[in-house]
Amino acid sequence: MKAETPSAKRWRFCVIGKMICVKKLRKDVAILGNSMEKTKKI
């Protein structure tokens, strides 16, 4: 097995991309949750 195959590089990039996406999603959800709580109080 080779140390660096194109598919392995792509896979790693995909994983990193997914991690970034998940972080973004969580941030958006948190912001959404906060705004929802604020509207409930009003």
N, C-alpha and C. Protein backbone atom coordinates (compact mmCIF):
# COMPACT_ATOMS: atom_id res chain seq x y z
N MET A 1 0.85 -1.20 0.00
CA MET A 1 0.00 0.00 0.00
C MET A 1 0.89 1.25 0.00
N LYS A 2 0.54 2.20 -0.83
CA LYS A 2 1.32 3.45 -0.90
C LYS A 2 0.93 4.38 0.26
N ALA A 3 1.91 5.21 0.64
CA ALA A 3 1.67 6.13 1.75
C ALA A 3 0.67 7.20 1.34
N GLU A 4 0.83 7.74 0.12
CA GLU A 4 -0.06 8.82 -0.33
C GLU A 4 -0.65 8.49 -1.69
N THR A 5 -1.88 8.00 -1.68
CA THR A 5 -2.59 7.73 -2.93
C THR A 5 -3.57 8.88 -3.14
N PRO A 6 -3.91 9.20 -4.37
CA PRO A 6 -4.86 10.28 -4.64
C PRO A 6 -6.16 10.11 -3.86
N SER A 7 -6.66 8.87 -3.79
CA SER A 7 -7.92 8.61 -3.09
C SER A 7 -7.77 8.90 -1.60
N ALA A 8 -6.61 8.54 -1.04
CA ALA A 8 -6.37 8.79 0.39
C ALA A 8 -6.36 10.29 0.66
N LYS A 9 -5.69 11.03 -0.23
CA LYS A 9 -5.64 12.50 -0.08
C LYS A 9 -7.05 13.07 -0.17
N ARG A 10 -7.80 12.61 -1.14
CA ARG A 10 -9.17 13.10 -1.33
C ARG A 10 -10.00 12.77 -0.10
N TRP A 11 -9.83 11.54 0.41
CA TRP A 11 -10.62 11.11 1.57
C TRP A 11 -10.32 12.01 2.77
N ARG A 12 -9.01 12.29 2.97
CA ARG A 12 -8.61 13.13 4.10
C ARG A 12 -9.22 14.52 3.94
N PHE A 13 -9.17 15.05 2.73
CA PHE A 13 -9.72 16.38 2.45
C PHE A 13 -11.22 16.38 2.75
N CYS A 14 -11.89 15.29 2.36
CA CYS A 14 -13.33 15.16 2.59
C CYS A 14 -13.62 15.20 4.09
N VAL A 15 -12.81 14.46 4.85
CA VAL A 15 -13.02 14.39 6.30
C VAL A 15 -12.85 15.78 6.91
N ILE A 16 -11.78 16.48 6.50
CA ILE A 16 -11.54 17.83 7.02
C ILE A 16 -12.70 18.74 6.63
N GLY A 17 -13.15 18.63 5.38
CA GLY A 17 -14.28 19.44 4.92
C GLY A 17 -15.53 19.16 5.73
N LYS A 18 -15.76 17.87 6.02
CA LYS A 18 -16.95 17.50 6.81
C LYS A 18 -16.86 18.09 8.20
N MET A 19 -15.65 18.03 8.79
CA MET A 19 -15.45 18.57 10.13
C MET A 19 -15.80 20.05 10.16
N ILE A 20 -15.31 20.78 9.14
CA ILE A 20 -15.59 22.22 9.04
C ILE A 20 -17.09 22.44 8.89
N CYS A 21 -17.73 21.62 8.04
CA CYS A 21 -19.17 21.73 7.80
C CYS A 21 -19.94 21.49 9.10
N VAL A 22 -19.52 20.46 9.84
CA VAL A 22 -20.21 20.12 11.10
C VAL A 22 -20.08 21.27 12.09
N LYS A 23 -18.87 21.85 12.17
CA LYS A 23 -18.66 22.97 13.09
C LYS A 23 -19.56 24.13 12.70
N LYS A 24 -19.62 24.41 11.40
CA LYS A 24 -20.46 25.51 10.88
C LYS A 24 -21.91 25.23 11.24
N LEU A 25 -22.34 23.98 11.02
CA LEU A 25 -23.72 23.60 11.27
C LEU A 25 -24.05 23.79 12.75
N ARG A 26 -23.17 23.35 13.62
CA ARG A 26 -23.41 23.48 15.06
C ARG A 26 -23.53 24.94 15.44
N LYS A 27 -22.65 25.77 14.84
CA LYS A 27 -22.67 27.21 15.12
C LYS A 27 -24.02 27.78 14.71
N ASP A 28 -24.46 27.43 13.50
CA ASP A 28 -25.74 27.92 12.98
C ASP A 28 -26.88 27.48 13.90
N VAL A 29 -26.83 26.23 14.33
CA VAL A 29 -27.89 25.69 15.20
C VAL A 29 -27.91 26.45 16.52
N ALA A 30 -26.71 26.74 17.05
CA ALA A 30 -26.61 27.47 18.31
C ALA A 30 -27.20 28.86 18.16
N ILE A 31 -26.86 29.53 17.06
CA ILE A 31 -27.38 30.88 16.79
C ILE A 31 -28.90 30.82 16.66
N LEU A 32 -29.37 29.81 15.94
CA LEU A 32 -30.81 29.63 15.74
C LEU A 32 -31.49 29.41 17.09
N GLY A 33 -30.91 28.56 17.92
CA GLY A 33 -31.47 28.26 19.24
C GLY A 33 -31.55 29.51 20.09
N ASN A 34 -30.49 30.32 20.06
CA ASN A 34 -30.45 31.56 20.85
C ASN A 34 -31.55 32.51 20.40
N SER A 35 -31.70 32.68 19.10
CA SER A 35 -32.71 33.60 18.57
C SER A 35 -34.11 33.08 18.91
N MET A 36 -34.28 31.75 18.90
CA MET A 36 -35.59 31.16 19.23
C MET A 36 -35.93 31.46 20.68
N GLU A 37 -34.94 31.32 21.56
CA GLU A 37 -35.16 31.59 22.98
C GLU A 37 -35.55 33.05 23.19
N LYS A 38 -34.87 33.94 22.47
CA LYS A 38 -35.15 35.38 22.59
C LYS A 38 -36.58 35.68 22.16
N THR A 39 -37.02 35.07 21.05
CA THR A 39 -38.37 35.33 20.55
C THR A 39 -39.41 34.77 21.53
N LYS A 40 -39.07 33.68 22.21
CA LYS A 40 -39.99 33.09 23.18
C LYS A 40 -40.22 34.04 24.35
N LYS A 41 -39.13 34.68 24.79
CA LYS A 41 -39.20 35.59 25.94
C LYS A 41 -40.04 36.82 25.60
N ILE A 42 -39.93 37.30 24.37
CA ILE A 42 -40.65 38.52 23.97
C ILE A 42 -42.15 38.24 23.90
